[in-house]
Protein backbone atom coordinates (compact mmCIF):
# COMPACT_ATOMS: atom_id res chain seq x y z
CA UNK A 1 55.27 81.08 52.74
CA UNK A 2 58.72 82.43 53.21
CA UNK A 3 60.27 82.62 56.54
CA UNK A 4 61.92 86.13 56.95
CA UNK A 5 63.58 85.16 60.35
CA UNK A 6 65.29 82.36 58.78
CA UNK A 7 69.09 82.46 59.36
CA UNK A 8 71.37 82.07 56.39
CA UNK A 9 74.03 79.26 56.87
CA UNK A 10 76.94 81.73 57.77
CA UNK A 11 74.69 83.24 60.48
CA UNK A 12 73.90 79.90 62.04
CA UNK A 13 77.51 78.84 61.90
CA UNK A 14 78.53 82.26 63.65
CA UNK A 15 75.98 81.88 66.33
CA UNK A 16 76.95 78.32 67.19
CA UNK A 17 80.61 79.28 67.26
CA UNK A 18 80.00 81.85 69.92
CA UNK A 19 79.45 79.67 72.79
CA UNK A 20 82.41 77.66 71.76
CA UNK A 21 84.58 80.85 71.81
CA UNK A 22 83.22 81.90 75.15
CA UNK A 23 84.10 78.31 76.49
CA UNK A 24 87.77 78.58 74.95
CA UNK A 25 88.33 82.20 76.75
CA UNK A 26 86.95 80.72 80.05
CA UNK A 27 89.43 77.87 79.87
CA UNK A 28 92.38 80.19 78.87
CA UNK A 29 91.48 82.59 81.60
CA UNK A 30 91.19 79.74 84.06
CA UNK A 31 94.74 78.31 83.13
CA UNK A 32 96.25 82.15 83.45
CA UNK A 33 94.70 82.15 86.80
CA UNK A 34 96.12 78.82 87.92
CA UNK A 35 99.52 79.71 86.65
CA UNK A 36 99.60 83.14 88.42
CA UNK A 37 98.45 81.32 91.58
CA UNK A 38 101.03 78.45 91.16
CA UNK A 39 103.89 80.86 90.46
CA UNK A 40 103.39 82.70 94.00
CA UNK A 41 104.91 79.27 95.43
CA UNK A 42 108.04 79.59 93.70
CA UNK A 43 110.60 80.61 96.79
CA UNK A 44 112.64 83.16 94.82
CA UNK A 45 111.76 86.87 95.46
CA UNK A 46 110.10 86.25 98.81
CA UNK A 47 113.48 86.65 100.93
CA UNK A 48 113.02 90.41 102.13
CA UNK A 49 115.54 90.13 104.77
CA UNK A 50 117.89 93.19 104.83
CA UNK A 51 121.62 91.87 106.09
CA UNK A 52 122.75 94.28 108.84
CA UNK A 53 125.08 97.08 107.51
CA UNK A 54 128.76 96.60 108.16
CA UNK A 55 130.03 99.85 107.05
CA UNK A 56 128.42 103.26 106.86
CA UNK A 57 129.07 106.23 104.67
CA UNK A 58 129.80 109.83 106.22
CA UNK A 59 128.18 111.90 103.55
CA UNK A 60 129.46 115.58 102.66
CA UNK A 61 126.07 116.76 103.48
CA UNK A 62 122.63 115.99 104.63
CA UNK A 63 121.38 117.01 100.96
CA UNK A 64 123.33 114.25 99.31
CA UNK A 65 122.43 111.83 101.84
CA UNK A 66 118.73 112.55 101.33
CA UNK A 67 119.29 112.29 97.63
CA UNK A 68 121.03 108.98 97.62
CA UNK A 69 118.63 107.52 100.09
CA UNK A 70 115.69 108.49 98.08
CA UNK A 71 117.22 107.59 94.58
CA UNK A 72 119.55 104.72 95.34
CA UNK A 73 119.24 103.09 98.76
CA UNK A 74 116.47 100.53 97.85
CA UNK A 75 118.73 98.71 95.44
CA UNK A 76 122.28 99.81 96.62
CA UNK A 77 122.17 99.23 100.41
CA UNK A 78 121.02 96.72 102.96
CA UNK A 79 118.23 99.04 103.95
CA UNK A 80 115.88 98.07 101.06
CA UNK A 81 112.31 99.16 101.52
CA UNK A 82 110.27 96.08 99.97
CA UNK A 83 106.77 97.54 98.62
CA UNK A 84 103.85 95.25 98.57
CA UNK A 85 104.28 94.26 94.93
CA UNK A 86 107.71 92.92 95.87
CA UNK A 87 105.88 89.74 97.23
CA UNK A 88 103.93 89.05 93.95
CA UNK A 89 105.50 87.02 91.48
CA UNK A 90 106.63 87.35 88.78
CA UNK A 91 107.25 91.18 89.74
CA UNK A 92 108.89 89.92 93.04
CA UNK A 93 111.67 87.95 90.79
CA UNK A 94 112.29 91.23 89.11
CA UNK A 95 112.69 92.98 92.29
CA UNK A 96 114.62 90.56 94.01
CA UNK A 97 116.99 90.36 91.04
CA UNK A 98 117.63 94.14 90.67
CA UNK A 99 118.35 94.33 94.30
CA UNK A 100 120.68 91.43 94.15
CA UNK A 101 122.66 92.90 91.33
CA UNK A 102 122.45 96.54 92.89
CA UNK A 103 123.82 95.40 96.04
CA UNK A 104 126.61 93.36 94.17
CA UNK A 105 127.68 96.13 92.20
CA UNK A 106 127.53 99.22 94.69
CA UNK A 107 126.50 98.75 98.25
CA UNK A 108 126.54 101.74 100.77
CA UNK A 109 125.98 99.46 103.67
CA UNK A 110 128.79 97.23 103.24
CA UNK A 111 131.56 99.57 101.89
CA UNK A 112 131.28 98.00 98.55
CA UNK A 113 131.96 101.50 96.91
CA UNK A 114 134.59 100.71 94.12
CA UNK A 115 131.85 101.44 91.47
CA UNK A 116 131.14 105.10 92.66
CA UNK A 117 132.67 106.72 89.65
CA UNK A 118 130.60 104.58 87.28
CA UNK A 119 127.66 105.29 89.38
CA UNK A 120 128.15 108.97 88.87
CA UNK A 121 128.54 108.21 85.07
CA UNK A 122 125.29 106.34 85.16
CA UNK A 123 123.44 108.79 86.84
CA UNK A 124 124.76 111.61 84.27
CA UNK A 125 123.56 109.65 81.43
CA UNK A 126 120.21 108.92 82.78
CA UNK A 127 120.83 105.14 83.13
CA UNK A 128 120.39 105.21 86.96
CA UNK A 129 117.86 105.18 88.64
CA UNK A 130 116.53 102.89 85.87
CA UNK A 131 113.64 104.01 83.86
CA UNK A 132 111.16 101.36 85.14
CA UNK A 133 111.94 102.25 88.72
CA UNK A 134 110.93 105.74 88.69
CA UNK A 135 107.22 105.72 88.09
CA UNK A 136 106.81 103.85 91.48
CA UNK A 137 109.38 105.73 93.50
CA UNK A 138 109.12 109.62 93.35
CA UNK A 139 112.38 110.22 95.19
CA UNK A 140 113.95 108.62 92.27
CA UNK A 141 112.99 111.01 89.64
CA UNK A 142 116.01 112.99 89.60
CA UNK A 143 116.03 116.66 87.93
CA UNK A 144 119.03 117.84 86.11
CA UNK A 145 120.06 119.96 89.34
CA UNK A 146 119.37 116.82 91.75
CA UNK A 147 121.80 114.76 89.38
CA UNK A 148 124.37 117.63 89.38
CA UNK A 149 124.05 117.74 93.12
CA UNK A 150 124.14 114.10 93.71
CA UNK A 151 127.42 113.62 91.47
CA UNK A 152 129.05 116.40 93.22
CA UNK A 153 128.02 114.97 96.73
CA UNK A 154 129.64 111.65 95.51
CA UNK A 155 132.68 113.58 94.56
CA UNK A 156 133.07 115.40 97.82
CA UNK A 157 132.18 112.48 99.77
CA UNK A 158 134.38 109.70 98.03
CA UNK A 159 137.26 111.60 96.57
CA UNK A 160 138.82 112.19 99.96
CA UNK A 161 138.53 108.53 100.74
CA UNK A 162 140.07 107.72 97.29
CA UNK A 163 142.98 109.98 97.57
CA UNK A 164 143.57 108.60 101.23
CA UNK A 165 143.69 105.24 99.91
CA UNK A 166 146.08 106.34 97.20
CA UNK A 167 148.61 107.97 99.46
CA UNK A 168 148.44 104.77 101.92
CA UNK A 169 149.87 102.82 98.84
CA UNK A 170 152.92 105.15 98.13
């Protein structure tokens, strides 16, 4: 009498391996969850204080100010708006790093404006605001006309300050 329900050796091996694979995947998932929870206790990226502004910019127009605040201020001022995900590692580490670097390079709240010309070039080329920042910040999605207005606004706002400094040096 032949048993039509009998499994071949390959089928038997496959069926016995399935519970082992599930166990391995559960273990891997558990390790990932544990690591995710553990990295939340690393202190970097959780200091969301904004230092008080020590300088202010008198913008050439309200339109320029609105564009700069929407597209640049989160990283280039002491008026950062910290979204909820900036408290969740490892994203918090990236956000903190970007804000620290942005403030170091160009900070509208501290008069650290020596890189305004470079910022204008980076806006024109599309490097600023960074591509990874734009999806979560609608105000940072600059059209070509926004870029042009922002660059002209930078020139109108800072050229007079630059030419004034040059005349003082003479």
